[in-house]
N, C-alpha and C. Protein backbone atom coordinates (compact mmCIF):
# COMPACT_ATOMS: atom_id res chain seq x y z
N MET A 1 -31.83 -13.86 35.13
CA MET A 1 -30.41 -13.51 35.03
C MET A 1 -29.68 -14.10 36.24
N ALA A 2 -28.59 -14.79 35.97
CA ALA A 2 -27.85 -15.47 37.04
C ALA A 2 -27.25 -14.44 38.00
N ARG A 3 -27.28 -14.77 39.28
CA ARG A 3 -26.71 -13.89 40.29
C ARG A 3 -25.19 -13.95 40.21
N PRO A 4 -24.51 -12.81 40.32
CA PRO A 4 -23.05 -12.82 40.26
C PRO A 4 -22.48 -13.72 41.35
N GLY A 5 -21.34 -14.36 41.05
CA GLY A 5 -20.69 -15.20 42.03
C GLY A 5 -20.12 -14.38 43.17
N THR A 6 -19.70 -15.09 44.23
CA THR A 6 -19.21 -14.40 45.43
C THR A 6 -18.01 -13.52 45.12
N LYS A 7 -17.08 -14.00 44.31
CA LYS A 7 -15.89 -13.21 44.00
C LYS A 7 -16.27 -11.90 43.29
N GLN A 8 -17.21 -12.00 42.35
CA GLN A 8 -17.64 -10.81 41.63
C GLN A 8 -18.36 -9.83 42.56
N ARG A 9 -19.18 -10.35 43.46
CA ARG A 9 -19.89 -9.50 44.42
C ARG A 9 -18.90 -8.81 45.37
N ILE A 10 -17.87 -9.54 45.78
CA ILE A 10 -16.86 -8.95 46.65
C ILE A 10 -16.15 -7.79 45.94
N LEU A 11 -15.79 -8.00 44.70
CA LEU A 11 -15.09 -6.95 43.96
C LEU A 11 -15.98 -5.73 43.74
N ALA A 12 -17.25 -5.98 43.37
CA ALA A 12 -18.17 -4.86 43.13
C ALA A 12 -18.40 -4.06 44.41
N THR A 13 -18.57 -4.74 45.53
CA THR A 13 -18.78 -4.05 46.81
C THR A 13 -17.52 -3.32 47.25
N THR A 14 -16.37 -3.95 47.06
CA THR A 14 -15.09 -3.31 47.42
C THR A 14 -14.89 -2.04 46.61
N LEU A 15 -15.16 -2.11 45.33
CA LEU A 15 -15.01 -0.93 44.48
C LEU A 15 -15.91 0.19 44.96
N ALA A 16 -17.16 -0.12 45.27
CA ALA A 16 -18.10 0.90 45.74
C ALA A 16 -17.63 1.52 47.06
N LEU A 17 -17.14 0.71 47.98
CA LEU A 17 -16.71 1.23 49.28
C LEU A 17 -15.40 2.01 49.17
N PHE A 18 -14.48 1.54 48.35
CA PHE A 18 -13.24 2.30 48.13
C PHE A 18 -13.56 3.68 47.56
N ASN A 19 -14.50 3.72 46.62
CA ASN A 19 -14.88 5.01 46.01
C ASN A 19 -15.58 5.92 47.02
N GLN A 20 -16.47 5.36 47.83
CA GLN A 20 -17.30 6.16 48.72
C GLN A 20 -16.59 6.56 50.01
N LEU A 21 -15.87 5.61 50.61
CA LEU A 21 -15.24 5.87 51.91
C LEU A 21 -13.79 6.29 51.79
N GLY A 22 -13.17 5.97 50.67
CA GLY A 22 -11.74 6.14 50.54
C GLY A 22 -11.06 4.81 50.86
N THR A 23 -10.06 4.45 50.09
CA THR A 23 -9.41 3.15 50.26
C THR A 23 -8.84 2.96 51.67
N PRO A 24 -8.20 3.98 52.27
CA PRO A 24 -7.66 3.76 53.62
C PRO A 24 -8.74 3.48 54.66
N ASN A 25 -9.96 3.97 54.42
CA ASN A 25 -11.03 3.88 55.43
C ASN A 25 -11.92 2.65 55.26
N ALA A 26 -11.79 1.96 54.15
CA ALA A 26 -12.64 0.79 53.88
C ALA A 26 -11.85 -0.47 54.22
N SER A 27 -12.15 -1.07 55.35
CA SER A 27 -11.45 -2.28 55.78
C SER A 27 -12.12 -3.52 55.22
N THR A 28 -11.45 -4.65 55.36
CA THR A 28 -12.06 -5.91 54.94
C THR A 28 -13.29 -6.23 55.79
N ASN A 29 -13.30 -5.78 57.04
CA ASN A 29 -14.49 -5.98 57.88
C ASN A 29 -15.67 -5.18 57.35
N HIS A 30 -15.40 -3.94 56.89
CA HIS A 30 -16.45 -3.14 56.26
C HIS A 30 -17.04 -3.88 55.07
N ILE A 31 -16.15 -4.44 54.26
CA ILE A 31 -16.59 -5.11 53.03
C ILE A 31 -17.44 -6.33 53.35
N ALA A 32 -16.96 -7.15 54.31
CA ALA A 32 -17.70 -8.35 54.70
C ALA A 32 -19.07 -7.99 55.27
N LEU A 33 -19.11 -6.93 56.10
CA LEU A 33 -20.37 -6.50 56.70
C LEU A 33 -21.35 -6.04 55.63
N GLU A 34 -20.86 -5.28 54.67
CA GLU A 34 -21.72 -4.79 53.59
C GLU A 34 -22.29 -5.94 52.77
N LEU A 35 -21.49 -6.98 52.60
CA LEU A 35 -21.91 -8.15 51.81
C LEU A 35 -22.74 -9.14 52.63
N ASP A 36 -22.74 -8.94 53.94
CA ASP A 36 -23.41 -9.88 54.86
C ASP A 36 -22.81 -11.29 54.74
N ILE A 37 -21.47 -11.33 54.72
CA ILE A 37 -20.75 -12.60 54.74
C ILE A 37 -19.73 -12.53 55.87
N SER A 38 -19.19 -13.66 56.24
CA SER A 38 -18.19 -13.68 57.31
C SER A 38 -16.84 -13.22 56.77
N PRO A 39 -16.00 -12.62 57.62
CA PRO A 39 -14.64 -12.27 57.18
C PRO A 39 -13.89 -13.48 56.63
N GLY A 40 -14.14 -14.67 57.21
CA GLY A 40 -13.49 -15.87 56.72
C GLY A 40 -13.85 -16.19 55.29
N ASN A 41 -15.12 -15.98 54.94
CA ASN A 41 -15.56 -16.20 53.56
C ASN A 41 -14.87 -15.22 52.62
N LEU A 42 -14.74 -13.98 53.06
CA LEU A 42 -14.04 -12.98 52.26
C LEU A 42 -12.58 -13.38 52.05
N TYR A 43 -11.91 -13.79 53.14
CA TYR A 43 -10.50 -14.14 53.06
C TYR A 43 -10.26 -15.40 52.24
N TYR A 44 -11.27 -16.25 52.14
CA TYR A 44 -11.15 -17.44 51.30
C TYR A 44 -10.93 -17.03 49.85
N HIS A 45 -11.61 -15.99 49.41
CA HIS A 45 -11.50 -15.54 48.02
C HIS A 45 -10.37 -14.53 47.83
N TYR A 46 -10.21 -13.63 48.79
CA TYR A 46 -9.17 -12.60 48.74
C TYR A 46 -8.51 -12.52 50.11
N PRO A 47 -7.33 -13.09 50.26
CA PRO A 47 -6.71 -13.23 51.59
C PRO A 47 -6.42 -11.92 52.31
N ASN A 48 -6.32 -10.82 51.58
CA ASN A 48 -6.01 -9.54 52.23
C ASN A 48 -6.50 -8.38 51.37
N LYS A 49 -6.43 -7.20 51.95
CA LYS A 49 -6.89 -5.99 51.28
C LYS A 49 -6.02 -5.67 50.06
N GLU A 50 -4.72 -5.98 50.17
CA GLU A 50 -3.81 -5.70 49.07
C GLU A 50 -4.23 -6.43 47.80
N GLN A 51 -4.68 -7.67 47.95
CA GLN A 51 -5.10 -8.43 46.77
C GLN A 51 -6.36 -7.84 46.14
N LEU A 52 -7.24 -7.30 46.96
CA LEU A 52 -8.43 -6.62 46.43
C LEU A 52 -8.03 -5.39 45.63
N ILE A 53 -7.11 -4.60 46.19
CA ILE A 53 -6.64 -3.40 45.49
C ILE A 53 -5.99 -3.77 44.16
N GLU A 54 -5.12 -4.77 44.18
CA GLU A 54 -4.40 -5.17 42.97
C GLU A 54 -5.35 -5.71 41.91
N THR A 55 -6.35 -6.46 42.33
CA THR A 55 -7.31 -7.02 41.37
C THR A 55 -8.12 -5.92 40.70
N LEU A 56 -8.58 -4.96 41.49
CA LEU A 56 -9.35 -3.85 40.92
C LEU A 56 -8.47 -2.98 40.02
N PHE A 57 -7.22 -2.78 40.40
CA PHE A 57 -6.31 -2.01 39.55
C PHE A 57 -6.12 -2.70 38.20
N CYS A 58 -5.98 -4.02 38.23
CA CYS A 58 -5.83 -4.77 36.98
C CYS A 58 -7.10 -4.66 36.12
N GLN A 59 -8.25 -4.65 36.77
CA GLN A 59 -9.50 -4.46 36.03
C GLN A 59 -9.50 -3.11 35.31
N TYR A 60 -9.04 -2.08 36.01
CA TYR A 60 -8.98 -0.74 35.41
C TYR A 60 -8.00 -0.73 34.24
N GLU A 61 -6.85 -1.34 34.41
CA GLU A 61 -5.88 -1.43 33.32
C GLU A 61 -6.51 -2.08 32.08
N GLN A 62 -7.21 -3.18 32.30
CA GLN A 62 -7.82 -3.89 31.18
C GLN A 62 -8.91 -3.06 30.52
N ALA A 63 -9.67 -2.31 31.32
CA ALA A 63 -10.72 -1.46 30.77
C ALA A 63 -10.14 -0.33 29.93
N LEU A 64 -8.96 0.15 30.32
CA LEU A 64 -8.31 1.25 29.58
C LEU A 64 -7.61 0.77 28.31
N GLN A 65 -7.31 -0.51 28.25
CA GLN A 65 -6.49 -1.03 27.16
C GLN A 65 -7.00 -0.68 25.76
N PRO A 66 -8.32 -0.76 25.49
CA PRO A 66 -8.79 -0.38 24.16
C PRO A 66 -8.49 1.09 23.82
N LEU A 67 -8.42 1.95 24.82
CA LEU A 67 -8.09 3.36 24.57
C LEU A 67 -6.60 3.54 24.32
N THR A 68 -5.78 2.91 25.16
CA THR A 68 -4.34 3.15 25.08
C THR A 68 -3.67 2.38 23.94
N SER A 69 -4.37 1.42 23.34
CA SER A 69 -3.77 0.62 22.27
C SER A 69 -4.10 1.15 20.88
N GLN A 70 -4.91 2.20 20.80
CA GLN A 70 -5.30 2.73 19.50
C GLN A 70 -4.12 3.41 18.81
N ALA A 71 -3.97 3.13 17.51
CA ALA A 71 -2.87 3.72 16.74
C ALA A 71 -3.24 5.07 16.14
N PHE A 72 -4.54 5.31 15.94
CA PHE A 72 -5.04 6.55 15.34
C PHE A 72 -4.42 6.79 13.96
N THR A 73 -4.42 5.74 13.14
CA THR A 73 -3.86 5.87 11.79
C THR A 73 -4.91 6.28 10.76
N GLU A 74 -6.19 6.11 11.09
CA GLU A 74 -7.25 6.49 10.16
C GLU A 74 -7.52 8.00 10.28
N GLU A 75 -8.26 8.53 9.30
CA GLU A 75 -8.59 9.95 9.36
C GLU A 75 -9.52 10.22 10.54
N LEU A 76 -9.18 11.27 11.31
CA LEU A 76 -9.91 11.56 12.54
C LEU A 76 -10.75 12.82 12.41
N SER A 77 -11.66 12.98 13.36
CA SER A 77 -12.46 14.19 13.45
C SER A 77 -12.39 14.71 14.87
N ILE A 78 -13.00 15.86 15.13
CA ILE A 78 -12.98 16.44 16.47
C ILE A 78 -13.72 15.55 17.46
N GLU A 79 -14.68 14.73 16.94
CA GLU A 79 -15.40 13.82 17.83
C GLU A 79 -14.49 12.75 18.43
N ASP A 80 -13.40 12.43 17.74
CA ASP A 80 -12.51 11.38 18.24
C ASP A 80 -11.82 11.78 19.53
N ILE A 81 -11.35 13.02 19.62
CA ILE A 81 -10.73 13.47 20.86
C ILE A 81 -11.77 13.61 21.96
N TRP A 82 -12.97 14.07 21.59
CA TRP A 82 -14.06 14.16 22.57
C TRP A 82 -14.42 12.78 23.10
N PHE A 83 -14.57 11.80 22.20
CA PHE A 83 -14.96 10.45 22.61
C PHE A 83 -13.87 9.81 23.47
N PHE A 84 -12.62 9.99 23.09
CA PHE A 84 -11.50 9.45 23.87
C PHE A 84 -11.52 10.00 25.29
N LEU A 85 -11.67 11.32 25.42
CA LEU A 85 -11.66 11.94 26.73
C LEU A 85 -12.89 11.55 27.55
N HIS A 86 -14.04 11.45 26.90
CA HIS A 86 -15.26 11.06 27.61
C HIS A 86 -15.11 9.66 28.20
N LEU A 87 -14.63 8.71 27.39
CA LEU A 87 -14.47 7.35 27.89
C LEU A 87 -13.41 7.28 28.98
N ASN A 88 -12.35 8.05 28.82
CA ASN A 88 -11.29 8.07 29.84
C ASN A 88 -11.84 8.57 31.17
N PHE A 89 -12.59 9.65 31.15
CA PHE A 89 -13.17 10.18 32.38
C PHE A 89 -14.23 9.23 32.95
N GLU A 90 -14.97 8.58 32.07
CA GLU A 90 -16.00 7.64 32.52
C GLU A 90 -15.36 6.49 33.31
N LEU A 91 -14.25 5.98 32.82
CA LEU A 91 -13.55 4.91 33.53
C LEU A 91 -12.90 5.44 34.81
N ALA A 92 -12.38 6.66 34.74
CA ALA A 92 -11.79 7.26 35.94
C ALA A 92 -12.84 7.47 37.03
N LEU A 93 -14.07 7.77 36.62
CA LEU A 93 -15.16 7.90 37.58
C LEU A 93 -15.48 6.54 38.21
N GLU A 94 -15.52 5.50 37.38
CA GLU A 94 -15.86 4.17 37.88
C GLU A 94 -14.80 3.65 38.85
N TYR A 95 -13.53 3.96 38.56
CA TYR A 95 -12.42 3.49 39.41
C TYR A 95 -11.71 4.67 40.08
N ARG A 96 -12.49 5.63 40.56
CA ARG A 96 -11.90 6.88 41.04
C ARG A 96 -11.02 6.72 42.27
N PHE A 97 -11.20 5.63 43.03
CA PHE A 97 -10.34 5.43 44.21
C PHE A 97 -8.87 5.36 43.82
N ILE A 98 -8.57 4.92 42.61
CA ILE A 98 -7.17 4.78 42.18
C ILE A 98 -6.49 6.14 42.14
N TYR A 99 -7.21 7.16 41.66
CA TYR A 99 -6.61 8.49 41.58
C TYR A 99 -6.74 9.26 42.88
N GLN A 100 -7.85 9.09 43.58
CA GLN A 100 -8.02 9.87 44.81
C GLN A 100 -7.15 9.33 45.95
N ASP A 101 -6.73 8.06 45.85
CA ASP A 101 -5.92 7.45 46.91
C ASP A 101 -4.62 6.88 46.36
N SER A 102 -4.06 7.48 45.32
CA SER A 102 -2.90 6.89 44.64
C SER A 102 -1.70 6.72 45.56
N ASP A 103 -1.45 7.70 46.44
CA ASP A 103 -0.30 7.58 47.35
C ASP A 103 -0.47 6.40 48.30
N TYR A 104 -1.67 6.26 48.86
CA TYR A 104 -1.95 5.15 49.77
C TYR A 104 -1.82 3.81 49.04
N ILE A 105 -2.37 3.75 47.83
CA ILE A 105 -2.38 2.50 47.08
C ILE A 105 -0.96 2.04 46.75
N THR A 106 -0.11 2.95 46.28
CA THR A 106 1.26 2.56 45.92
C THR A 106 2.10 2.27 47.15
N SER A 107 1.72 2.85 48.30
CA SER A 107 2.41 2.53 49.54
C SER A 107 1.97 1.16 50.06
N LYS A 108 0.68 0.90 49.98
CA LYS A 108 0.12 -0.37 50.44
C LYS A 108 0.53 -1.52 49.53
N CYS A 109 0.60 -1.24 48.23
CA CYS A 109 0.93 -2.27 47.22
C CYS A 109 2.09 -1.75 46.37
N PRO A 110 3.33 -1.85 46.84
CA PRO A 110 4.49 -1.28 46.13
C PRO A 110 4.61 -1.76 44.68
N SER A 111 4.14 -2.97 44.41
CA SER A 111 4.25 -3.50 43.04
C SER A 111 3.41 -2.70 42.05
N LEU A 112 2.43 -1.94 42.56
CA LEU A 112 1.56 -1.16 41.67
C LEU A 112 2.20 0.17 41.25
N ALA A 113 3.28 0.58 41.90
CA ALA A 113 3.90 1.86 41.56
C ALA A 113 4.37 1.86 40.10
N ALA A 114 5.06 0.79 39.70
CA ALA A 114 5.54 0.70 38.32
C ALA A 114 4.37 0.56 37.34
N LYS A 115 3.33 -0.17 37.74
CA LYS A 115 2.16 -0.32 36.87
C LYS A 115 1.43 1.01 36.71
N PHE A 116 1.38 1.79 37.78
CA PHE A 116 0.73 3.10 37.72
C PHE A 116 1.50 4.02 36.79
N GLN A 117 2.83 3.98 36.88
CA GLN A 117 3.66 4.78 35.97
C GLN A 117 3.45 4.35 34.52
N HIS A 118 3.39 3.06 34.29
CA HIS A 118 3.16 2.55 32.94
C HIS A 118 1.80 2.98 32.42
N LEU A 119 0.79 2.95 33.28
CA LEU A 119 -0.56 3.35 32.89
C LEU A 119 -0.59 4.82 32.47
N LEU A 120 0.04 5.68 33.28
CA LEU A 120 0.08 7.11 32.95
C LEU A 120 0.84 7.36 31.66
N THR A 121 1.95 6.64 31.48
CA THR A 121 2.73 6.79 30.26
C THR A 121 1.93 6.36 29.04
N ALA A 122 1.17 5.27 29.18
CA ALA A 122 0.35 4.79 28.06
C ALA A 122 -0.73 5.81 27.70
N LEU A 123 -1.35 6.42 28.71
CA LEU A 123 -2.35 7.46 28.44
C LEU A 123 -1.72 8.67 27.75
N TYR A 124 -0.55 9.07 28.23
CA TYR A 124 0.16 10.21 27.63
C TYR A 124 0.51 9.92 26.17
N GLN A 125 1.05 8.74 25.91
CA GLN A 125 1.41 8.38 24.54
C GLN A 125 0.18 8.33 23.63
N SER A 126 -0.95 7.88 24.18
CA SER A 126 -2.19 7.85 23.39
C SER A 126 -2.64 9.25 23.02
N LEU A 127 -2.56 10.17 24.00
CA LEU A 127 -2.91 11.56 23.71
C LEU A 127 -1.97 12.16 22.68
N LEU A 128 -0.69 11.85 22.78
CA LEU A 128 0.28 12.33 21.79
C LEU A 128 -0.09 11.85 20.39
N ARG A 129 -0.39 10.55 20.27
CA ARG A 129 -0.74 10.00 18.95
C ARG A 129 -2.02 10.63 18.43
N LEU A 130 -2.98 10.83 19.29
CA LEU A 130 -4.26 11.39 18.89
C LEU A 130 -4.11 12.83 18.43
N LEU A 131 -3.40 13.65 19.20
CA LEU A 131 -3.23 15.06 18.83
C LEU A 131 -2.34 15.20 17.60
N THR A 132 -1.35 14.33 17.47
CA THR A 132 -0.49 14.36 16.28
C THR A 132 -1.31 14.03 15.03
N ALA A 133 -2.21 13.07 15.15
CA ALA A 133 -3.07 12.71 14.02
C ALA A 133 -4.00 13.87 13.66
N LEU A 134 -4.55 14.54 14.67
CA LEU A 134 -5.42 15.69 14.41
C LEU A 134 -4.63 16.84 13.78
N SER A 135 -3.38 16.99 14.17
CA SER A 135 -2.52 18.02 13.58
C SER A 135 -2.23 17.70 12.12
N SER A 136 -2.00 16.44 11.80
CA SER A 136 -1.65 16.05 10.43
C SER A 136 -2.81 16.27 9.46
N THR A 137 -4.04 16.26 9.98
CA THR A 137 -5.20 16.50 9.12
C THR A 137 -5.59 17.98 9.08
N GLY A 138 -4.90 18.80 9.85
CA GLY A 138 -5.18 20.24 9.86
C GLY A 138 -6.27 20.66 10.82
N ILE A 139 -6.85 19.71 11.56
CA ILE A 139 -7.89 20.06 12.54
C ILE A 139 -7.27 20.82 13.70
N LEU A 140 -6.15 20.32 14.17
CA LEU A 140 -5.41 20.99 15.24
C LEU A 140 -4.36 21.88 14.60
N LEU A 141 -4.46 23.18 14.85
CA LEU A 141 -3.59 24.15 14.19
C LEU A 141 -2.26 24.29 14.92
N VAL A 142 -1.65 23.15 15.22
CA VAL A 142 -0.35 23.10 15.87
C VAL A 142 0.46 22.02 15.17
N THR A 143 1.68 22.35 14.77
CA THR A 143 2.53 21.37 14.09
C THR A 143 3.80 21.07 14.86
N ALA A 144 4.21 21.96 15.75
CA ALA A 144 5.45 21.76 16.49
C ALA A 144 5.30 20.62 17.51
N ASP A 145 6.24 19.70 17.49
CA ASP A 145 6.16 18.54 18.39
C ASP A 145 6.13 18.95 19.85
N ASP A 146 6.93 19.97 20.21
CA ASP A 146 7.00 20.34 21.62
C ASP A 146 5.68 20.92 22.11
N MET A 147 4.95 21.63 21.22
CA MET A 147 3.65 22.16 21.62
C MET A 147 2.61 21.04 21.78
N ILE A 148 2.67 20.07 20.88
CA ILE A 148 1.76 18.92 20.99
C ILE A 148 2.05 18.16 22.28
N GLU A 149 3.32 18.03 22.62
CA GLU A 149 3.69 17.37 23.88
C GLU A 149 3.17 18.15 25.08
N ASP A 150 3.28 19.47 25.03
CA ASP A 150 2.80 20.30 26.15
C ASP A 150 1.29 20.16 26.33
N ILE A 151 0.54 20.23 25.23
CA ILE A 151 -0.91 20.11 25.30
C ILE A 151 -1.29 18.73 25.83
N SER A 152 -0.62 17.69 25.34
CA SER A 152 -0.91 16.32 25.79
C SER A 152 -0.65 16.17 27.28
N LEU A 153 0.45 16.74 27.75
CA LEU A 153 0.79 16.64 29.16
C LEU A 153 -0.23 17.38 30.02
N ASN A 154 -0.64 18.57 29.58
CA ASN A 154 -1.64 19.33 30.34
C ASN A 154 -2.98 18.60 30.38
N MET A 155 -3.32 17.96 29.27
CA MET A 155 -4.57 17.18 29.25
C MET A 155 -4.47 16.00 30.20
N LEU A 156 -3.32 15.34 30.22
CA LEU A 156 -3.13 14.22 31.12
C LEU A 156 -3.22 14.66 32.59
N LEU A 157 -2.64 15.81 32.90
CA LEU A 157 -2.70 16.34 34.26
C LEU A 157 -4.15 16.52 34.71
N ILE A 158 -4.97 17.11 33.86
CA ILE A 158 -6.37 17.33 34.23
C ILE A 158 -7.10 15.99 34.34
N CYS A 159 -6.84 15.09 33.39
CA CYS A 159 -7.52 13.79 33.39
C CYS A 159 -7.23 12.99 34.66
N THR A 160 -6.00 13.09 35.17
CA THR A 160 -5.60 12.23 36.29
C THR A 160 -5.61 12.93 37.64
N GLN A 161 -5.48 14.27 37.65
CA GLN A 161 -5.38 14.98 38.93
C GLN A 161 -6.63 15.80 39.26
N TRP A 162 -7.62 15.73 38.42
CA TRP A 162 -8.82 16.54 38.62
C TRP A 162 -9.50 16.25 39.95
N ILE A 163 -9.49 14.99 40.37
CA ILE A 163 -10.16 14.61 41.62
C ILE A 163 -9.56 15.36 42.79
N HIS A 164 -8.23 15.29 42.93
CA HIS A 164 -7.57 15.97 44.04
C HIS A 164 -7.82 17.47 43.99
N PHE A 165 -7.68 18.05 42.80
CA PHE A 165 -7.86 19.49 42.65
C PHE A 165 -9.27 19.91 43.02
N LYS A 166 -10.27 19.18 42.52
CA LYS A 166 -11.66 19.54 42.77
C LYS A 166 -12.01 19.41 44.24
N LYS A 167 -11.48 18.37 44.90
CA LYS A 167 -11.75 18.20 46.32
C LYS A 167 -11.24 19.38 47.12
N HIS A 168 -10.02 19.83 46.83
CA HIS A 168 -9.44 20.94 47.58
C HIS A 168 -10.10 22.27 47.21
N LEU A 169 -10.40 22.44 45.93
CA LEU A 169 -11.01 23.70 45.49
C LEU A 169 -12.40 23.88 46.08
N SER A 170 -13.17 22.79 46.13
CA SER A 170 -14.55 22.87 46.59
C SER A 170 -14.71 22.56 48.07
N GLY A 171 -13.63 22.17 48.74
CA GLY A 171 -13.72 21.85 50.15
C GLY A 171 -14.51 20.59 50.41
N ILE A 172 -14.43 19.63 49.51
CA ILE A 172 -15.15 18.37 49.67
C ILE A 172 -14.38 17.51 50.66
N SER A 173 -15.01 17.20 51.78
CA SER A 173 -14.32 16.43 52.81
C SER A 173 -14.43 14.93 52.58
N GLU A 174 -15.52 14.49 51.96
CA GLU A 174 -15.71 13.06 51.73
C GLU A 174 -14.87 12.61 50.56
N ALA A 175 -14.53 11.33 50.57
CA ALA A 175 -13.77 10.77 49.46
C ALA A 175 -14.62 10.69 48.20
N ASN A 176 -15.92 10.54 48.38
CA ASN A 176 -16.80 10.34 47.24
C ASN A 176 -16.89 11.60 46.38
N ILE A 177 -16.73 11.43 45.08
CA ILE A 177 -16.81 12.53 44.12
C ILE A 177 -17.99 12.26 43.19
N ALA A 178 -18.84 13.25 43.02
CA ALA A 178 -20.04 13.07 42.20
C ALA A 178 -19.69 13.14 40.72
N SER A 179 -20.59 12.59 39.89
CA SER A 179 -20.34 12.53 38.45
C SER A 179 -20.26 13.92 37.83
N ASP A 180 -21.00 14.90 38.40
CA ASP A 180 -20.94 16.23 37.80
C ASP A 180 -19.57 16.89 38.02
N HIS A 181 -18.84 16.46 39.05
CA HIS A 181 -17.47 16.95 39.20
C HIS A 181 -16.61 16.46 38.04
N PHE A 182 -16.87 15.24 37.58
CA PHE A 182 -16.13 14.72 36.44
C PHE A 182 -16.56 15.43 35.16
N ASN A 183 -17.83 15.76 35.05
CA ASN A 183 -18.27 16.52 33.88
C ASN A 183 -17.51 17.84 33.77
N GLN A 184 -17.28 18.47 34.91
CA GLN A 184 -16.51 19.71 34.92
C GLN A 184 -15.08 19.46 34.46
N GLY A 185 -14.54 18.29 34.82
CA GLY A 185 -13.20 17.94 34.37
C GLY A 185 -13.12 17.78 32.86
N ILE A 186 -14.10 17.10 32.28
CA ILE A 186 -14.14 16.94 30.82
C ILE A 186 -14.26 18.31 30.15
N TYR A 187 -15.10 19.15 30.72
CA TYR A 187 -15.28 20.51 30.18
C TYR A 187 -13.94 21.24 30.16
N GLN A 188 -13.20 21.15 31.24
CA GLN A 188 -11.93 21.87 31.33
C GLN A 188 -10.88 21.32 30.37
N VAL A 189 -10.81 20.01 30.25
CA VAL A 189 -9.78 19.44 29.39
C VAL A 189 -10.09 19.71 27.92
N LEU A 190 -11.37 19.73 27.55
CA LEU A 190 -11.73 20.09 26.18
C LEU A 190 -11.39 21.55 25.89
N SER A 191 -11.47 22.38 26.92
CA SER A 191 -11.17 23.80 26.75
C SER A 191 -9.73 24.04 26.34
N LEU A 192 -8.84 23.11 26.68
CA LEU A 192 -7.43 23.28 26.31
C LEU A 192 -7.23 23.32 24.80
N LEU A 193 -8.14 22.69 24.05
CA LEU A 193 -7.98 22.60 22.60
C LEU A 193 -8.51 23.82 21.87
N LEU A 194 -9.43 24.56 22.48
CA LEU A 194 -10.13 25.63 21.76
C LEU A 194 -9.20 26.65 21.10
N PRO A 195 -8.11 27.10 21.75
CA PRO A 195 -7.27 28.09 21.08
C PRO A 195 -6.54 27.57 19.85
N TYR A 196 -6.53 26.26 19.66
CA TYR A 196 -5.74 25.67 18.58
C TYR A 196 -6.61 25.10 17.46
N LEU A 197 -7.86 25.57 17.39
CA LEU A 197 -8.78 25.11 16.35
C LEU A 197 -9.23 26.29 15.50
N ASP A 198 -9.57 26.01 14.23
CA ASP A 198 -10.16 27.06 13.41
C ASP A 198 -11.60 27.30 13.88
N GLN A 199 -12.24 28.31 13.33
CA GLN A 199 -13.55 28.72 13.83
C GLN A 199 -14.59 27.60 13.75
N ALA A 200 -14.63 26.89 12.64
CA ALA A 200 -15.63 25.84 12.46
C ALA A 200 -15.46 24.71 13.48
N HIS A 201 -14.23 24.26 13.66
CA HIS A 201 -13.98 23.18 14.63
C HIS A 201 -14.11 23.69 16.06
N ARG A 202 -13.78 24.96 16.28
CA ARG A 202 -13.94 25.52 17.62
C ARG A 202 -15.42 25.55 18.00
N GLU A 203 -16.26 25.97 17.08
CA GLU A 203 -17.70 26.03 17.35
C GLU A 203 -18.26 24.62 17.58
N HIS A 204 -17.76 23.66 16.81
CA HIS A 204 -18.21 22.27 16.98
C HIS A 204 -17.83 21.74 18.36
N LEU A 205 -16.58 22.00 18.77
CA LEU A 205 -16.13 21.53 20.08
C LEU A 205 -16.87 22.24 21.20
N GLN A 206 -17.14 23.52 21.02
CA GLN A 206 -17.90 24.26 22.04
C GLN A 206 -19.29 23.65 22.21
N HIS A 207 -19.88 23.23 21.11
CA HIS A 207 -21.20 22.59 21.17
C HIS A 207 -21.10 21.27 21.94
N LEU A 208 -20.10 20.47 21.67
CA LEU A 208 -19.90 19.21 22.38
C LEU A 208 -19.64 19.47 23.87
N ARG A 209 -18.91 20.53 24.14
CA ARG A 209 -18.52 20.85 25.51
C ARG A 209 -19.70 21.29 26.37
N GLU A 210 -20.72 21.87 25.72
CA GLU A 210 -21.88 22.38 26.45
C GLU A 210 -22.61 21.29 27.24
N ALA A 211 -22.50 20.04 26.79
CA ALA A 211 -23.17 18.93 27.47
C ALA A 211 -22.62 18.71 28.87
N TYR A 212 -21.44 19.25 29.17
CA TYR A 212 -20.79 19.01 30.47
C TYR A 212 -20.90 20.20 31.41
N GLN A 213 -21.65 21.23 31.02
CA GLN A 213 -21.81 22.39 31.89
C GLN A 213 -22.85 22.11 32.98
């Protein structure tokens, strides 16, 4: 198997260090040292830290695109909302520095503020379409648009703010968040749907939810 090129290795190492140390604490010198390359070699490919942040953010946007572009016009099941949320959290875990350091990132790279807003809006609209489709099939026992909007917004809040909340609740001082913390997030966001399902679908979702305990 061919060894990844220098640019790919730089991005992979940067992503790992941003996640583990926190974006403000991971300097380009840290990255070069971890890669065992000179800072000059790093700057040849990525002239500054801002470009590394922007490139990784674009990677995350592209990874999310298959989720946010779905129309949900076909008949859906309870597994569809579970699968959507699982993949969303999985990507959020992979690129968790974006959510845990969002204020720093948008301050360091002002051009990302509008992109971050667009990303959140796209996720919200996807949840709206998904829950509306589940409502139209009778799986979700909610028909009022304002209630579907409220549930979608609450789900988005947990999906995007869980990292900050969990760090403060558990007293986690390190930037690094373990995968089981994300499992707890998926568990909580799935719980939002339980009151709005009939008994059969509620039991099915509870069974799916047990995997994240």
